[in-house]
Amino acid sequence: MSRPIRFEILAPDSAALASLDQDGFSWTITRWDGPVDDWLVATGDDAEFNARV
């Protein structure tokens, strides 16, 4: 299956959406420990593509 190459997800409750996306798409989503409120998304088992949302 093809994996997304770019996406942006906006939500009033990012933590709730991250949980939903992890369950629905089997993505690994973790909060980024950086200067802005972002989340890191791994959309597959390998490191071929990772995203920051």
N, C-alpha and C. Protein backbone atom coordinates (compact mmCIF):
# COMPACT_ATOMS: atom_id res chain seq x y z
N MET A 1 0.85 -1.17 0.00
CA MET A 1 0.00 0.00 0.00
C MET A 1 0.89 1.23 0.00
N SER A 2 0.51 2.23 -0.75
CA SER A 2 1.25 3.49 -0.78
C SER A 2 1.10 4.22 0.55
N ARG A 3 2.14 4.94 0.90
CA ARG A 3 2.09 5.71 2.15
C ARG A 3 2.04 7.19 1.82
N PRO A 4 1.44 7.99 2.70
CA PRO A 4 1.37 9.43 2.45
C PRO A 4 2.76 10.05 2.43
N ILE A 5 2.94 11.07 1.60
CA ILE A 5 4.22 11.76 1.55
C ILE A 5 4.16 13.13 2.21
N ARG A 6 2.97 13.68 2.33
CA ARG A 6 2.82 14.98 3.00
C ARG A 6 1.39 15.09 3.47
N PHE A 7 1.22 15.50 4.71
CA PHE A 7 -0.12 15.73 5.20
C PHE A 7 -0.07 16.70 6.36
N GLU A 8 -1.18 17.34 6.60
CA GLU A 8 -1.33 18.27 7.71
C GLU A 8 -2.66 17.97 8.37
N ILE A 9 -2.63 17.82 9.68
CA ILE A 9 -3.84 17.52 10.42
C ILE A 9 -4.03 18.60 11.48
N LEU A 10 -5.16 19.27 11.42
CA LEU A 10 -5.47 20.31 12.40
C LEU A 10 -6.63 19.84 13.25
N ALA A 11 -6.51 20.02 14.56
CA ALA A 11 -7.58 19.59 15.46
C ALA A 11 -7.51 20.38 16.76
N PRO A 12 -8.65 20.63 17.37
CA PRO A 12 -8.64 21.34 18.65
C PRO A 12 -8.03 20.50 19.78
N ASP A 13 -8.09 19.17 19.65
CA ASP A 13 -7.53 18.28 20.67
C ASP A 13 -6.55 17.31 19.98
N SER A 14 -5.30 17.73 19.86
CA SER A 14 -4.29 16.94 19.14
C SER A 14 -4.06 15.58 19.75
N ALA A 15 -4.07 15.48 21.07
CA ALA A 15 -3.83 14.20 21.73
C ALA A 15 -4.93 13.19 21.40
N ALA A 16 -6.18 13.64 21.39
CA ALA A 16 -7.29 12.74 21.06
C ALA A 16 -7.20 12.29 19.60
N LEU A 17 -6.86 13.21 18.71
CA LEU A 17 -6.72 12.85 17.30
C LEU A 17 -5.56 11.89 17.09
N ALA A 18 -4.46 12.10 17.79
CA ALA A 18 -3.30 11.20 17.68
C ALA A 18 -3.70 9.79 18.08
N SER A 19 -4.46 9.66 19.14
CA SER A 19 -4.92 8.34 19.59
C SER A 19 -5.81 7.69 18.54
N LEU A 20 -6.72 8.45 17.96
CA LEU A 20 -7.61 7.94 16.93
C LEU A 20 -6.82 7.48 15.70
N ASP A 21 -5.85 8.29 15.25
CA ASP A 21 -5.06 7.94 14.08
C ASP A 21 -4.17 6.73 14.33
N GLN A 22 -3.64 6.60 15.54
CA GLN A 22 -2.84 5.42 15.87
C GLN A 22 -3.67 4.16 15.75
N ASP A 23 -4.88 4.20 16.27
CA ASP A 23 -5.76 3.03 16.24
C ASP A 23 -6.30 2.76 14.83
N GLY A 24 -6.70 3.81 14.13
CA GLY A 24 -7.33 3.66 12.83
C GLY A 24 -6.37 3.31 11.70
N PHE A 25 -5.15 3.87 11.75
CA PHE A 25 -4.20 3.69 10.65
C PHE A 25 -2.97 2.88 11.05
N SER A 26 -2.87 2.49 12.30
CA SER A 26 -1.70 1.77 12.82
C SER A 26 -0.42 2.60 12.68
N TRP A 27 -0.54 3.91 12.82
CA TRP A 27 0.62 4.80 12.80
C TRP A 27 1.18 4.89 14.21
N THR A 28 2.45 5.21 14.32
CA THR A 28 3.07 5.49 15.61
C THR A 28 3.18 7.01 15.72
N ILE A 29 2.54 7.58 16.72
CA ILE A 29 2.50 9.04 16.87
C ILE A 29 3.01 9.40 18.27
N THR A 30 4.01 10.27 18.31
CA THR A 30 4.56 10.71 19.58
C THR A 30 4.68 12.23 19.59
N ARG A 31 4.56 12.79 20.76
CA ARG A 31 4.69 14.24 20.90
C ARG A 31 6.16 14.62 20.75
N TRP A 32 6.42 15.65 19.96
CA TRP A 32 7.78 16.13 19.73
C TRP A 32 8.20 17.00 20.90
N ASP A 33 9.38 16.75 21.42
CA ASP A 33 9.91 17.55 22.53
C ASP A 33 10.71 18.72 21.96
N GLY A 34 10.00 19.64 21.35
CA GLY A 34 10.65 20.79 20.72
C GLY A 34 10.00 22.09 21.16
N PRO A 35 10.39 23.19 20.53
CA PRO A 35 9.89 24.50 20.95
C PRO A 35 8.45 24.81 20.54
N VAL A 36 7.87 23.98 19.67
CA VAL A 36 6.47 24.17 19.26
C VAL A 36 5.69 22.89 19.52
N ASP A 37 4.38 22.99 19.57
CA ASP A 37 3.52 21.84 19.85
C ASP A 37 3.31 21.04 18.57
N ASP A 38 4.20 20.11 18.29
CA ASP A 38 4.12 19.27 17.11
C ASP A 38 4.13 17.81 17.51
N TRP A 39 3.73 16.97 16.59
CA TRP A 39 3.70 15.53 16.79
C TRP A 39 4.49 14.86 15.68
N LEU A 40 5.19 13.78 16.00
CA LEU A 40 5.94 13.01 15.01
C LEU A 40 5.13 11.78 14.64
N VAL A 41 5.07 11.49 13.34
CA VAL A 41 4.25 10.39 12.85
C VAL A 41 5.12 9.44 12.03
N ALA A 42 5.11 8.17 12.40
CA ALA A 42 5.73 7.12 11.60
C ALA A 42 4.59 6.34 10.96
N THR A 43 4.52 6.37 9.63
CA THR A 43 3.38 5.77 8.93
C THR A 43 3.63 4.33 8.49
N GLY A 44 4.75 3.76 8.88
CA GLY A 44 5.05 2.38 8.51
C GLY A 44 6.05 1.78 9.48
N ASP A 45 6.41 0.53 9.23
CA ASP A 45 7.33 -0.16 10.12
C ASP A 45 8.78 0.27 9.94
N ASP A 46 9.12 0.73 8.75
CA ASP A 46 10.51 1.14 8.52
C ASP A 46 10.63 2.65 8.65
N ALA A 47 11.82 3.15 8.48
CA ALA A 47 12.06 4.59 8.62
C ALA A 47 12.00 5.31 7.28
N GLU A 48 11.38 4.67 6.28
CA GLU A 48 11.33 5.25 4.95
C GLU A 48 10.66 6.63 4.95
N PHE A 49 9.60 6.78 5.72
CA PHE A 49 8.92 8.07 5.78
C PHE A 49 8.43 8.34 7.19
N ASN A 50 8.81 9.46 7.68
CA ASN A 50 8.29 9.94 8.96
C ASN A 50 7.86 11.37 8.74
N ALA A 51 6.91 11.81 9.50
CA ALA A 51 6.36 13.15 9.32
C ALA A 51 6.28 13.87 10.65
N ARG A 52 6.18 15.17 10.56
CA ARG A 52 5.92 15.99 11.74
C ARG A 52 4.64 16.74 11.47
N VAL A 53 3.70 16.65 12.38
CA VAL A 53 2.42 17.34 12.21
C VAL A 53 2.21 18.33 13.33
